[in-house]
Amino acid sequence: MVRTSLIAVSLLAITAPLAAQNRVVWSSRRPDAQPPLGVTAGRTLDEREIELRYRFERVNFRGVWLDSDSLPLDVVLEDYPVAPLTLENTTHYVGAAYAPTSDLTVMANMSFAQRTREQLNGTTGDLSIAEIDKLGDLEVSGLYKVFDQNGARAHLQVGAVVPVGAFDIQATDPLPYDMRPGGGTFAVIPGATAAAQNEFGTVGAQLKGTFYLGTNSIDYTPGDRLDGSAWASYRVDDHFSVSARTRYQSWGGFEGADPSLDPLRDPGNDAPFLGGRRVDVVTGVNVHLPEDSSLAGHRVSLEWIFPVHQRYDGPQLGADWGITLGWQASF
């Protein structure tokens, strides 16, 4: 509670001076012009600009939750022979973007997942660890600028998920859905982003969805997702900014199911009940390296993720904390 209150106060402290000042002409070279690191497809590039990026993200999950409550381990083991204890979800993202015109930016992002899941077998008392290192799905998008005036910008996103990631993963036993980085089927990604800048900083908001189009080869469709963020970035100087944002995520349960998974064995196997919602408060720092240096155009960013509310339709591992570290270079 104290942590949440302090973060909320920080967000208000950043937002207040931004709302009180006049807007200026948009500058993409300021440290706060880049949205917070975890906001993907958050800005269009200048004409003929190329951007390369890498992002490291780790989100840790601990304990089984149902609705908005963490369940005692013995309660989970009353209903399932196997209870997940922790999940360490590490994802490496690499991407590139190019702007053929001042209004259009095209981009692609690829991911590589490393996941470690610890679970307890209540029947035998055995503690086991499952690990995977697999490719995730490819995302491609076009961003089209629809507004650019008086220090404010807005763009629309139309994208697609290309199912190249691992989704049919076999180990000693078939792995539960939370260990599968790929969905196995195409999806569309519509989205919209808007931001406004003044002499003190930038505020912005983004809303986007992921809607799956078909059933994969092992008879299930991942749940559709909705992701929204609102943020404020305060420019400390020409090279350094701090940010705070609130992120809302919701995801549906799966349609269909992998026939190799027993939904009565592990809550992570129970496909229809894997929906939920989560609210995070995220704080960050962003460094834009000097234009007169050999690393001109490079940015280094960091975000800390604090889940403040989570609600699950069925028993699932609950989010504990997260961190994101990234690098971008524009040419």
C-alpha atoms as a PDB file:
ATOM      1  CA  MET A   1       0.000   0.000   0.000  1.00  0.00           C
ATOM      2  CA  VAL A   2       2.817   2.396   0.863  1.00  0.00           C
ATOM      3  CA  ARG A   3       4.627   1.528  -2.376  1.00  0.00           C
ATOM      4  CA  THR A   4       1.474   2.157  -4.427  1.00  0.00           C
ATOM      5  CA  SER A   5       0.829   5.501  -2.714  1.00  0.00           C
ATOM      6  CA  LEU A   6       4.379   6.721  -3.293  1.00  0.00           C
ATOM      7  CA  ILE A   7       4.227   5.814  -6.969  1.00  0.00           C
ATOM      8  CA  ALA A   8       0.861   7.571  -7.347  1.00  0.00           C
ATOM      9  CA  VAL A   9       2.293  10.719  -5.754  1.00  0.00           C
ATOM     10  CA  SER A  10       5.263  10.584  -8.161  1.00  0.00           C
ATOM     11  CA  LEU A  11       2.904  10.306 -11.135  1.00  0.00           C
ATOM     12  CA  LEU A  12       0.908  13.331  -9.988  1.00  0.00           C
ATOM     13  CA  ALA A  13       4.097  15.316  -9.347  1.00  0.00           C
ATOM     14  CA  ILE A  14       5.282  14.688 -12.900  1.00  0.00           C
ATOM     15  CA  THR A  15       1.908  15.317 -14.534  1.00  0.00           C
ATOM     16  CA  ALA A  16       1.083  18.578 -12.763  1.00  0.00           C
ATOM     17  CA  PRO A  17       3.747  20.831 -14.376  1.00  0.00           C
ATOM     18  CA  LEU A  18       3.057  19.297 -17.785  1.00  0.00           C
ATOM     19  CA  ALA A  19      -0.614  20.228 -17.649  1.00  0.00           C
ATOM     20  CA  ALA A  20       0.100  23.756 -16.460  1.00  0.00           C
ATOM     21  CA  GLN A  21       2.352  24.927 -19.276  1.00  0.00           C
ATOM     22  CA  ASN A  22       1.919  25.921 -22.904  1.00  0.00           C
ATOM     23  CA  ARG A  23       2.703  23.476 -25.672  1.00  0.00           C
ATOM     24  CA  VAL A  24       5.671  23.882 -27.982  1.00  0.00           C
ATOM     25  CA  VAL A  25       6.661  22.613 -31.411  1.00  0.00           C
ATOM     26  CA  TRP A  26       7.303  18.873 -31.215  1.00  0.00           C
ATOM     27  CA  SER A  27      10.957  17.832 -30.969  1.00  0.00           C
ATOM     28  CA  SER A  28      11.827  14.171 -31.566  1.00  0.00           C
ATOM     29  CA  ARG A  29      15.399  14.705 -30.297  1.00  0.00           C
ATOM     30  CA  ARG A  30      14.433  15.330 -26.684  1.00  0.00           C
ATOM     31  CA  PRO A  31      14.852  12.516 -24.132  1.00  0.00           C
ATOM     32  CA  ASP A  32      11.136  12.557 -23.293  1.00  0.00           C
ATOM     33  CA  ALA A  33      10.016  12.348 -26.957  1.00  0.00           C
ATOM     34  CA  GLN A  34      10.458   8.572 -26.857  1.00  0.00           C
ATOM     35  CA  PRO A  35       7.514   6.932 -25.016  1.00  0.00           C
ATOM     36  CA  PRO A  36       8.389   4.865 -21.944  1.00  0.00           C
ATOM     37  CA  LEU A  37      10.246   1.712 -22.868  1.00  0.00           C
ATOM     38  CA  GLY A  38       7.367  -0.707 -22.442  1.00  0.00           C
ATOM     39  CA  VAL A  39       5.086   1.239 -24.799  1.00  0.00           C
ATOM     40  CA  THR A  40       5.657  -0.471 -28.150  1.00  0.00           C
ATOM     41  CA  ALA A  41       4.833   1.203 -31.479  1.00  0.00           C
ATOM     42  CA  GLY A  42       4.573   4.417 -29.501  1.00  0.00           C
ATOM     43  CA  ARG A  43       5.960   6.922 -32.017  1.00  0.00           C
ATOM     44  CA  THR A  44       6.416   7.518 -35.717  1.00  0.00           C
ATOM     45  CA  LEU A  45       9.870   8.303 -37.101  1.00  0.00           C
ATOM     46  CA  ASP A  46      11.036  11.258 -39.149  1.00  0.00           C
ATOM     47  CA  GLU A  47      11.169  10.775 -42.908  1.00  0.00           C
ATOM     48  CA  ARG A  48      13.867   8.246 -43.979  1.00  0.00           C
ATOM     49  CA  GLU A  49      14.848   7.637 -40.369  1.00  0.00           C
ATOM     50  CA  ILE A  50      15.869   4.103 -39.382  1.00  0.00           C
ATOM     51  CA  GLU A  51      15.631   2.789 -35.835  1.00  0.00           C
ATOM     52  CA  LEU A  52      17.088  -0.399 -34.366  1.00  0.00           C
ATOM     53  CA  ARG A  53      16.126  -1.579 -30.914  1.00  0.00           C
ATOM     54  CA  TYR A  54      16.672  -4.246 -28.286  1.00  0.00           C
ATOM     55  CA  ARG A  55      14.579  -4.755 -25.163  1.00  0.00           C
ATOM     56  CA  PHE A  56      15.097  -7.100 -22.225  1.00  0.00           C
ATOM     57  CA  GLU A  57      12.043  -7.752 -20.065  1.00  0.00           C
ATOM     58  CA  ARG A  58      11.675  -9.926 -16.986  1.00  0.00           C
ATOM     59  CA  VAL A  59       8.381 -10.389 -15.157  1.00  0.00           C
ATOM     60  CA  ASN A  60       8.262 -12.683 -12.137  1.00  0.00           C
ATOM     61  CA  PHE A  61       5.101 -14.471 -11.030  1.00  0.00           C
ATOM     62  CA  ARG A  62       4.574 -16.035  -7.603  1.00  0.00           C
ATOM     63  CA  GLY A  63       1.713 -17.994  -6.063  1.00  0.00           C
ATOM     64  CA  VAL A  64      -1.632 -19.040  -7.498  1.00  0.00           C
ATOM     65  CA  TRP A  65      -4.340 -16.386  -7.557  1.00  0.00           C
ATOM     66  CA  LEU A  66      -8.087 -16.617  -8.122  1.00  0.00           C
ATOM     67  CA  ASP A  67     -10.198 -13.529  -8.655  1.00  0.00           C
ATOM     68  CA  SER A  68      -8.228 -10.879  -6.690  1.00  0.00           C
ATOM     69  CA  ASP A  69      -6.841 -13.132  -3.961  1.00  0.00           C
ATOM     70  CA  SER A  70      -3.727 -15.247  -3.521  1.00  0.00           C
ATOM     71  CA  LEU A  71      -4.643 -18.845  -2.664  1.00  0.00           C
ATOM     72  CA  PRO A  72      -2.879 -20.840   0.057  1.00  0.00           C
ATOM     73  CA  LEU A  73      -0.850 -23.699  -1.374  1.00  0.00           C
ATOM     74  CA  ASP A  74      -2.874 -26.361   0.417  1.00  0.00           C
ATOM     75  CA  VAL A  75      -6.084 -25.001  -1.102  1.00  0.00           C
ATOM     76  CA  VAL A  76      -4.608 -25.262  -4.618  1.00  0.00           C
ATOM     77  CA  LEU A  77      -3.476 -28.842  -3.942  1.00  0.00           C
ATOM     78  CA  GLU A  78      -7.014 -29.783  -2.875  1.00  0.00           C
ATOM     79  CA  ASP A  79      -8.172 -29.175  -6.460  1.00  0.00           C
ATOM     80  CA  TYR A  80      -5.050 -29.964  -8.523  1.00  0.00           C
ATOM     81  CA  PRO A  81      -2.334 -32.608  -8.078  1.00  0.00           C
ATOM     82  CA  VAL A  82       0.264 -30.101  -9.313  1.00  0.00           C
ATOM     83  CA  ALA A  83       0.536 -26.511  -8.053  1.00  0.00           C
ATOM     84  CA  PRO A  84       2.754 -23.945  -9.804  1.00  0.00           C
ATOM     85  CA  LEU A  85       4.870 -21.949  -7.360  1.00  0.00           C
ATOM     86  CA  THR A  86       6.832 -19.424  -9.425  1.00  0.00           C
ATOM     87  CA  LEU A  87       7.385 -18.419 -13.030  1.00  0.00           C
ATOM     88  CA  GLU A  88      10.324 -16.347 -14.241  1.00  0.00           C
ATOM     89  CA  ASN A  89       9.377 -14.962 -17.655  1.00  0.00           C
ATOM     90  CA  THR A  90      12.323 -13.396 -19.498  1.00  0.00           C
ATOM     91  CA  THR A  91      11.858 -12.101 -23.035  1.00  0.00           C
ATOM     92  CA  HIS A  92      14.411 -10.615 -25.427  1.00  0.00           C
ATOM     93  CA  TYR A  93      12.960  -8.387 -28.160  1.00  0.00           C
ATOM     94  CA  VAL A  94      14.787  -7.177 -31.257  1.00  0.00           C
ATOM     95  CA  GLY A  95      13.197  -4.832 -33.755  1.00  0.00           C
ATOM     96  CA  ALA A  96      13.682  -2.415 -36.598  1.00  0.00           C
ATOM     97  CA  ALA A  97      11.635   0.455 -37.986  1.00  0.00           C
ATOM     98  CA  TYR A  98      11.846   2.652 -41.082  1.00  0.00           C
ATOM     99  CA  ALA A  99       9.908   5.733 -42.179  1.00  0.00           C
ATOM    100  CA  PRO A 100       9.575   5.956 -45.994  1.00  0.00           C
ATOM    101  CA  THR A 101       7.623   9.209 -45.496  1.00  0.00           C
ATOM    102  CA  SER A 102       7.061  11.634 -42.636  1.00  0.00           C
ATOM    103  CA  ASP A 103       3.597  10.139 -42.054  1.00  0.00           C
ATOM    104  CA  LEU A 104       4.263   6.396 -42.401  1.00  0.00           C
ATOM    105  CA  THR A 105       6.513   4.156 -40.299  1.00  0.00           C
ATOM    106  CA  VAL A 106       6.854   0.410 -40.841  1.00  0.00           C
ATOM    107  CA  MET A 107       8.285  -1.830 -38.158  1.00  0.00           C
ATOM    108  CA  ALA A 108       8.940  -5.446 -37.186  1.00  0.00           C
ATOM    109  CA  ASN A 109       9.650  -7.030 -33.795  1.00  0.00           C
ATOM    110  CA  MET A 110      10.833 -10.533 -32.956  1.00  0.00           C
ATOM    111  CA  SER A 111      11.043 -12.105 -29.515  1.00  0.00           C
ATOM    112  CA  PHE A 112      12.952 -14.914 -27.819  1.00  0.00           C
ATOM    113  CA  ALA A 113      11.546 -16.298 -24.575  1.00  0.00           C
ATOM    114  CA  GLN A 114      13.294 -17.914 -21.619  1.00  0.00           C
ATOM    115  CA  ARG A 115      10.899 -19.230 -19.006  1.00  0.00           C
ATOM    116  CA  THR A 116      11.514 -21.109 -15.779  1.00  0.00           C
ATOM    117  CA  ARG A 117       8.544 -22.571 -13.889  1.00  0.00           C
ATOM    118  CA  GLU A 118       8.702 -24.178 -10.462  1.00  0.00           C
ATOM    119  CA  GLN A 119       5.885 -26.511  -9.422  1.00  0.00           C
ATOM    120  CA  LEU A 120       5.057 -28.892  -6.589  1.00  0.00           C
ATOM    121  CA  ASN A 121       3.466 -32.319  -7.021  1.00  0.00           C
ATOM    122  CA  GLY A 122       1.143 -32.663  -4.060  1.00  0.00           C
ATOM    123  CA  THR A 123       0.792 -36.431  -4.490  1.00  0.00           C
ATOM    124  CA  THR A 124       4.498 -37.286  -4.395  1.00  0.00           C
ATOM    125  CA  GLY A 125       5.867 -34.159  -2.716  1.00  0.00           C
ATOM    126  CA  ASP A 126       8.340 -33.703  -5.582  1.00  0.00           C
ATOM    127  CA  LEU A 127       9.477 -30.206  -6.513  1.00  0.00           C
ATOM    128  CA  SER A 128      10.262 -29.857 -10.228  1.00  0.00           C
ATOM    129  CA  ILE A 129      11.462 -27.101 -12.557  1.00  0.00           C
ATOM    130  CA  ALA A 130      10.518 -26.759 -16.213  1.00  0.00           C
ATOM    131  CA  GLU A 131      12.594 -24.539 -18.515  1.00  0.00           C
ATOM    132  CA  ILE A 132      12.244 -23.423 -22.127  1.00  0.00           C
ATOM    133  CA  ASP A 133      14.281 -21.269 -24.521  1.00  0.00           C
ATOM    134  CA  LYS A 134      12.112 -20.690 -27.588  1.00  0.00           C
ATOM    135  CA  LEU A 135      11.275 -18.151 -30.274  1.00  0.00           C
ATOM    136  CA  GLY A 136       8.156 -16.069 -29.863  1.00  0.00           C
ATOM    137  CA  ASP A 137       5.903 -14.796 -32.634  1.00  0.00           C
ATOM    138  CA  LEU A 138       6.850 -12.093 -35.146  1.00  0.00           C
ATOM    139  CA  GLU A 139       4.952  -8.788 -35.107  1.00  0.00           C
ATOM    140  CA  VAL A 140       4.825  -6.460 -38.112  1.00  0.00           C
ATOM    141  CA  SER A 141       3.050  -3.101 -38.133  1.00  0.00           C
ATOM    142  CA  GLY A 142       2.455   0.090 -40.023  1.00  0.00           C
ATOM    143  CA  LEU A 143       2.059   3.362 -38.097  1.00  0.00           C
ATOM    144  CA  TYR A 144       0.314   6.240 -39.856  1.00  0.00           C
ATOM    145  CA  LYS A 145       0.420   9.758 -38.442  1.00  0.00           C
ATOM    146  CA  VAL A 146      -3.038  11.366 -38.415  1.00  0.00           C
ATOM    147  CA  PHE A 147      -2.320  14.562 -36.425  1.00  0.00           C
ATOM    148  CA  ASP A 148       0.732  16.778 -35.905  1.00  0.00           C
ATOM    149  CA  GLN A 149       0.101  20.295 -34.632  1.00  0.00           C
ATOM    150  CA  ASN A 150       1.104  22.607 -31.747  1.00  0.00           C
ATOM    151  CA  GLY A 151       3.285  20.065 -29.984  1.00  0.00           C
ATOM    152  CA  ALA A 152       0.742  17.249 -30.220  1.00  0.00           C
ATOM    153  CA  ARG A 153       0.881  14.104 -32.332  1.00  0.00           C
ATOM    154  CA  ALA A 154      -1.336  11.094 -32.947  1.00  0.00           C
ATOM    155  CA  HIS A 155      -1.004   7.974 -35.075  1.00  0.00           C
ATOM    156  CA  LEU A 156      -2.881   4.778 -35.847  1.00  0.00           C
ATOM    157  CA  GLN A 157      -1.395   1.291 -35.872  1.00  0.00           C
ATOM    158  CA  VAL A 158      -2.376  -1.608 -38.107  1.00  0.00           C
ATOM    159  CA  GLY A 159      -0.340  -4.732 -37.467  1.00  0.00           C
ATOM    160  CA  ALA A 160      -0.282  -8.501 -37.527  1.00  0.00           C
ATOM    161  CA  VAL A 161       1.107 -11.376 -35.495  1.00  0.00           C
ATOM    162  CA  VAL A 162       2.872 -13.956 -37.687  1.00  0.00           C
ATOM    163  CA  PRO A 163       2.864 -17.354 -35.901  1.00  0.00           C
ATOM    164  CA  VAL A 164       6.506 -18.402 -36.007  1.00  0.00           C
ATOM    165  CA  GLY A 165       6.870 -18.955 -32.248  1.00  0.00           C
ATOM    166  CA  ALA A 166       6.830 -22.224 -30.315  1.00  0.00           C
ATOM    167  CA  PHE A 167       3.382 -23.328 -29.109  1.00  0.00           C
ATOM    168  CA  ASP A 168       3.440 -27.144 -29.256  1.00  0.00           C
ATOM    169  CA  ILE A 169       6.180 -27.795 -26.716  1.00  0.00           C
ATOM    170  CA  GLN A 170       6.771 -31.335 -25.506  1.00  0.00           C
ATOM    171  CA  ALA A 171       9.008 -32.194 -22.566  1.00  0.00           C
ATOM    172  CA  THR A 172       8.664 -35.160 -20.176  1.00  0.00           C
ATOM    173  CA  ASP A 173       5.031 -33.995 -20.000  1.00  0.00           C
ATOM    174  CA  PRO A 174       3.373 -31.432 -22.295  1.00  0.00           C
ATOM    175  CA  LEU A 175       4.048 -27.974 -20.892  1.00  0.00           C
ATOM    176  CA  PRO A 176       1.197 -25.737 -19.693  1.00  0.00           C
ATOM    177  CA  TYR A 177       0.048 -22.712 -21.673  1.00  0.00           C
ATOM    178  CA  ASP A 178       2.043 -20.209 -19.615  1.00  0.00           C
ATOM    179  CA  MET A 179       5.248 -21.870 -20.897  1.00  0.00           C
ATOM    180  CA  ARG A 180       4.349 -21.372 -24.577  1.00  0.00           C
ATOM    181  CA  PRO A 181       5.572 -18.083 -26.125  1.00  0.00           C
ATOM    182  CA  GLY A 182       3.848 -18.640 -29.484  1.00  0.00           C
ATOM    183  CA  GLY A 183       0.148 -18.679 -30.265  1.00  0.00           C
ATOM    184  CA  GLY A 184       0.225 -20.829 -33.382  1.00  0.00           C
ATOM    185  CA  THR A 185      -2.201 -18.672 -35.367  1.00  0.00           C
ATOM    186  CA  PHE A 186      -2.354 -15.247 -37.022  1.00  0.00           C
ATOM    187  CA  ALA A 187      -3.686 -12.181 -35.220  1.00  0.00           C
ATOM    188  CA  VAL A 188      -4.413  -8.552 -36.074  1.00  0.00           C
ATOM    189  CA  ILE A 189      -3.146  -5.625 -33.986  1.00  0.00           C
ATOM    190  CA  PRO A 190      -5.135  -2.379 -34.235  1.00  0.00           C
ATOM    191  CA  GLY A 191      -4.013   0.540 -32.085  1.00  0.00           C
ATOM    192  CA  ALA A 192      -3.972   4.289 -31.531  1.00  0.00           C
ATOM    193  CA  THR A 193      -1.417   6.511 -29.773  1.00  0.00           C
ATOM    194  CA  ALA A 194      -1.471  10.228 -28.917  1.00  0.00           C
ATOM    195  CA  ALA A 195       1.091  12.439 -27.174  1.00  0.00           C
ATOM    196  CA  ALA A 196       1.510  16.129 -26.337  1.00  0.00           C
ATOM    197  CA  GLN A 197       4.755  17.908 -25.537  1.00  0.00           C
ATOM    198  CA  ASN A 198       5.661  21.186 -23.844  1.00  0.00           C
ATOM    199  CA  GLU A 199       8.837  22.732 -22.511  1.00  0.00           C
ATOM    200  CA  PHE A 200       8.744  20.551 -19.383  1.00  0.00           C
ATOM    201  CA  GLY A 201       7.915  17.138 -20.774  1.00  0.00           C
ATOM    202  CA  THR A 202       5.479  14.885 -22.610  1.00  0.00           C
ATOM    203  CA  VAL A 203       2.202  13.166 -21.774  1.00  0.00           C
ATOM    204  CA  GLY A 204       0.675  10.395 -23.836  1.00  0.00           C
ATOM    205  CA  ALA A 205      -1.754   7.510 -24.063  1.00  0.00           C
ATOM    206  CA  GLN A 206      -2.014   4.346 -26.119  1.00  0.00           C
ATOM    207  CA  LEU A 207      -4.694   1.711 -26.632  1.00  0.00           C
ATOM    208  CA  LYS A 208      -4.246  -1.405 -28.727  1.00  0.00           C
ATOM    209  CA  GLY A 209      -5.588  -4.915 -29.066  1.00  0.00           C
ATOM    210  CA  THR A 210      -4.499  -8.337 -30.293  1.00  0.00           C
ATOM    211  CA  PHE A 211      -7.268 -10.367 -31.898  1.00  0.00           C
ATOM    212  CA  TYR A 212      -6.559 -13.943 -33.008  1.00  0.00           C
ATOM    213  CA  LEU A 213      -8.083 -15.067 -36.290  1.00  0.00           C
ATOM    214  CA  GLY A 214      -8.124 -18.852 -36.241  1.00  0.00           C
ATOM    215  CA  THR A 215      -7.425 -22.119 -34.484  1.00  0.00           C
ATOM    216  CA  ASN A 216      -3.892 -23.497 -34.399  1.00  0.00           C
ATOM    217  CA  SER A 217      -2.838 -27.021 -35.384  1.00  0.00           C
ATOM    218  CA  ILE A 218      -3.437 -28.422 -31.882  1.00  0.00           C
ATOM    219  CA  ASP A 219      -7.015 -27.181 -31.629  1.00  0.00           C
ATOM    220  CA  TYR A 220      -6.968 -23.988 -29.590  1.00  0.00           C
ATOM    221  CA  THR A 221      -7.066 -20.219 -30.084  1.00  0.00           C
ATOM    222  CA  PRO A 222      -5.250 -17.940 -27.599  1.00  0.00           C
ATOM    223  CA  GLY A 223      -7.367 -15.368 -25.806  1.00  0.00           C
ATOM    224  CA  ASP A 224      -7.663 -11.896 -27.328  1.00  0.00           C
ATOM    225  CA  ARG A 225      -5.794  -9.114 -25.512  1.00  0.00           C
ATOM    226  CA  LEU A 226      -6.346  -5.424 -24.771  1.00  0.00           C
ATOM    227  CA  ASP A 227      -3.463  -3.222 -23.642  1.00  0.00           C
ATOM    228  CA  GLY A 228      -3.667   0.439 -22.609  1.00  0.00           C
ATOM    229  CA  SER A 229      -1.125   2.874 -21.149  1.00  0.00           C
ATOM    230  CA  ALA A 230      -1.181   6.499 -20.008  1.00  0.00           C
ATOM    231  CA  TRP A 231       2.122   8.163 -19.164  1.00  0.00           C
ATOM    232  CA  ALA A 232       3.938  11.340 -18.295  1.00  0.00           C
ATOM    233  CA  SER A 233       7.650  11.980 -18.923  1.00  0.00           C
ATOM    234  CA  TYR A 234       9.486  14.880 -17.298  1.00  0.00           C
ATOM    235  CA  ARG A 235      12.538  16.294 -19.075  1.00  0.00           C
ATOM    236  CA  VAL A 236      15.269  16.799 -16.483  1.00  0.00           C
ATOM    237  CA  ASP A 237      17.726  18.189 -19.060  1.00  0.00           C
ATOM    238  CA  ASP A 238      18.608  17.737 -22.738  1.00  0.00           C
ATOM    239  CA  HIS A 239      19.774  14.158 -22.184  1.00  0.00           C
ATOM    240  CA  PHE A 240      17.779  12.731 -19.277  1.00  0.00           C
ATOM    241  CA  SER A 241      14.092  12.197 -18.481  1.00  0.00           C
ATOM    242  CA  VAL A 242      12.029  10.318 -15.901  1.00  0.00           C
ATOM    243  CA  SER A 243       8.625   8.782 -16.512  1.00  0.00           C
ATOM    244  CA  ALA A 244       5.636   7.228 -14.804  1.00  0.00           C
ATOM    245  CA  ARG A 245       2.770   5.395 -16.419  1.00  0.00           C
ATOM    246  CA  THR A 246      -0.250   3.300 -15.621  1.00  0.00           C
ATOM    247  CA  ARG A 247      -0.790   0.176 -17.709  1.00  0.00           C
ATOM    248  CA  TYR A 248      -4.002  -1.840 -18.002  1.00  0.00           C
ATOM    249  CA  GLN A 249      -4.052  -5.326 -19.532  1.00  0.00           C
ATOM    250  CA  SER A 250      -6.909  -7.732 -20.086  1.00  0.00           C
ATOM    251  CA  TRP A 251      -6.862 -11.112 -21.807  1.00  0.00           C
ATOM    252  CA  GLY A 252      -9.480 -13.734 -22.504  1.00  0.00           C
ATOM    253  CA  GLY A 253      -9.488 -17.439 -21.848  1.00  0.00           C
ATOM    254  CA  PHE A 254      -8.571 -19.787 -24.668  1.00  0.00           C
ATOM    255  CA  GLU A 255     -11.104 -21.196 -27.096  1.00  0.00           C
ATOM    256  CA  GLY A 256     -10.602 -24.930 -27.500  1.00  0.00           C
ATOM    257  CA  ALA A 257      -7.767 -26.766 -25.771  1.00  0.00           C
ATOM    258  CA  ASP A 258      -4.644 -28.798 -26.416  1.00  0.00           C
ATOM    259  CA  PRO A 259      -5.875 -32.411 -26.083  1.00  0.00           C
ATOM    260  CA  SER A 260      -2.529 -33.471 -24.593  1.00  0.00           C
ATOM    261  CA  LEU A 261      -3.051 -31.299 -21.498  1.00  0.00           C
ATOM    262  CA  ASP A 262      -5.146 -32.548 -18.572  1.00  0.00           C
ATOM    263  CA  PRO A 263      -7.061 -29.512 -17.205  1.00  0.00           C
ATOM    264  CA  LEU A 264      -7.550 -31.300 -13.881  1.00  0.00           C
ATOM    265  CA  ARG A 265      -3.806 -31.777 -13.288  1.00  0.00           C
ATOM    266  CA  ASP A 266      -2.440 -28.205 -13.221  1.00  0.00           C
ATOM    267  CA  PRO A 267      -4.290 -24.851 -13.203  1.00  0.00           C
ATOM    268  CA  GLY A 268      -2.012 -23.743 -16.047  1.00  0.00           C
ATOM    269  CA  ASN A 269      -3.662 -26.424 -18.236  1.00  0.00           C
ATOM    270  CA  ASP A 270      -7.222 -25.150 -17.772  1.00  0.00           C
ATOM    271  CA  ALA A 271      -7.592 -23.228 -21.049  1.00  0.00           C
ATOM    272  CA  PRO A 272     -11.082 -21.614 -20.747  1.00  0.00           C
ATOM    273  CA  PHE A 273     -10.265 -20.091 -17.351  1.00  0.00           C
ATOM    274  CA  LEU A 274      -6.970 -18.384 -18.244  1.00  0.00           C
ATOM    275  CA  GLY A 275      -8.507 -14.920 -18.712  1.00  0.00           C
ATOM    276  CA  GLY A 276      -7.837 -11.983 -16.439  1.00  0.00           C
ATOM    277  CA  ARG A 277      -7.020  -8.320 -15.929  1.00  0.00           C
ATOM    278  CA  ARG A 278      -4.051  -6.513 -14.427  1.00  0.00           C
ATOM    279  CA  VAL A 279      -3.071  -2.930 -13.599  1.00  0.00           C
ATOM    280  CA  ASP A 280       0.602  -1.969 -13.283  1.00  0.00           C
ATOM    281  CA  VAL A 281       2.241   1.262 -12.213  1.00  0.00           C
ATOM    282  CA  VAL A 282       5.540   1.620 -14.048  1.00  0.00           C
ATOM    283  CA  THR A 283       8.346   4.094 -13.366  1.00  0.00           C
ATOM    284  CA  GLY A 284      11.307   4.687 -15.657  1.00  0.00           C
ATOM    285  CA  VAL A 285      14.345   6.652 -16.734  1.00  0.00           C
ATOM    286  CA  ASN A 286      15.474   7.482 -20.262  1.00  0.00           C
ATOM    287  CA  VAL A 287      18.894   8.716 -21.435  1.00  0.00           C
ATOM    288  CA  HIS A 288      19.336  10.308 -24.876  1.00  0.00           C
ATOM    289  CA  LEU A 289      23.055  10.459 -25.636  1.00  0.00           C
ATOM    290  CA  PRO A 290      24.452  13.812 -26.844  1.00  0.00           C
ATOM    291  CA  GLU A 291      24.101  14.721 -30.522  1.00  0.00           C
ATOM    292  CA  ASP A 292      27.776  15.761 -30.732  1.00  0.00           C
ATOM    293  CA  SER A 293      29.066  12.416 -29.418  1.00  0.00           C
ATOM    294  CA  SER A 294      30.024   9.257 -31.288  1.00  0.00           C
ATOM    295  CA  LEU A 295      26.808   7.673 -29.919  1.00  0.00           C
ATOM    296  CA  ALA A 296      24.472  10.364 -31.222  1.00  0.00           C
ATOM    297  CA  GLY A 297      20.972   8.998 -31.746  1.00  0.00           C
ATOM    298  CA  HIS A 298      21.350   6.266 -29.138  1.00  0.00           C
ATOM    299  CA  ARG A 299      19.000   5.927 -26.175  1.00  0.00           C
ATOM    300  CA  VAL A 300      19.183   3.735 -23.070  1.00  0.00           C
ATOM    301  CA  SER A 301      16.028   3.212 -21.001  1.00  0.00           C
ATOM    302  CA  LEU A 302      14.944   1.379 -17.876  1.00  0.00           C
ATOM    303  CA  GLU A 303      11.515   0.684 -16.330  1.00  0.00           C
ATOM    304  CA  TRP A 304      10.383  -0.928 -13.081  1.00  0.00           C
ATOM    305  CA  ILE A 305       7.019  -2.701 -13.090  1.00  0.00           C
ATOM    306  CA  PHE A 306       4.837  -2.749  -9.954  1.00  0.00           C
ATOM    307  CA  PRO A 307       1.543  -4.703 -10.237  1.00  0.00           C
ATOM    308  CA  VAL A 308      -1.090  -2.908  -8.116  1.00  0.00           C
ATOM    309  CA  HIS A 309      -4.242  -4.820  -9.076  1.00  0.00           C
ATOM    310  CA  GLN A 310      -4.854  -8.226 -10.652  1.00  0.00           C
ATOM    311  CA  ARG A 311      -8.009 -10.216 -11.133  1.00  0.00           C
ATOM    312  CA  TYR A 312      -8.123 -13.700 -12.654  1.00  0.00           C
ATOM    313  CA  ASP A 313     -11.052 -15.660 -14.083  1.00  0.00           C
ATOM    314  CA  GLY A 314      -9.515 -18.944 -12.950  1.00  0.00           C
ATOM    315  CA  PRO A 315      -6.508 -20.092 -10.889  1.00  0.00           C
ATOM    316  CA  GLN A 316      -3.329 -18.575 -12.362  1.00  0.00           C
ATOM    317  CA  LEU A 317       0.124 -17.507 -11.263  1.00  0.00           C
ATOM    318  CA  GLY A 318      -0.002 -13.907 -10.022  1.00  0.00           C
ATOM    319  CA  ALA A 319       2.380 -11.165 -11.155  1.00  0.00           C
ATOM    320  CA  ASP A 320       4.957 -10.149  -8.537  1.00  0.00           C
ATOM    321  CA  TRP A 321       7.347  -7.599 -10.106  1.00  0.00           C
ATOM    322  CA  GLY A 322       9.131  -6.791 -13.341  1.00  0.00           C
ATOM    323  CA  ILE A 323      11.945  -4.847 -14.958  1.00  0.00           C
ATOM    324  CA  THR A 324      12.623  -3.749 -18.537  1.00  0.00           C
ATOM    325  CA  LEU A 325      15.941  -2.557 -19.983  1.00  0.00           C
ATOM    326  CA  GLY A 326      16.333  -1.336 -23.540  1.00  0.00           C
ATOM    327  CA  TRP A 327      18.519   0.276 -26.153  1.00  0.00           C
ATOM    328  CA  GLN A 328      17.506   2.160 -29.319  1.00  0.00           C
ATOM    329  CA  ALA A 329      19.554   3.773 -32.062  1.00  0.00           C
ATOM    330  CA  SER A 330      18.229   6.089 -34.773  1.00  0.00           C
ATOM    331  CA  PHE A 331      20.018   6.949 -37.986  1.00  0.00           C
END
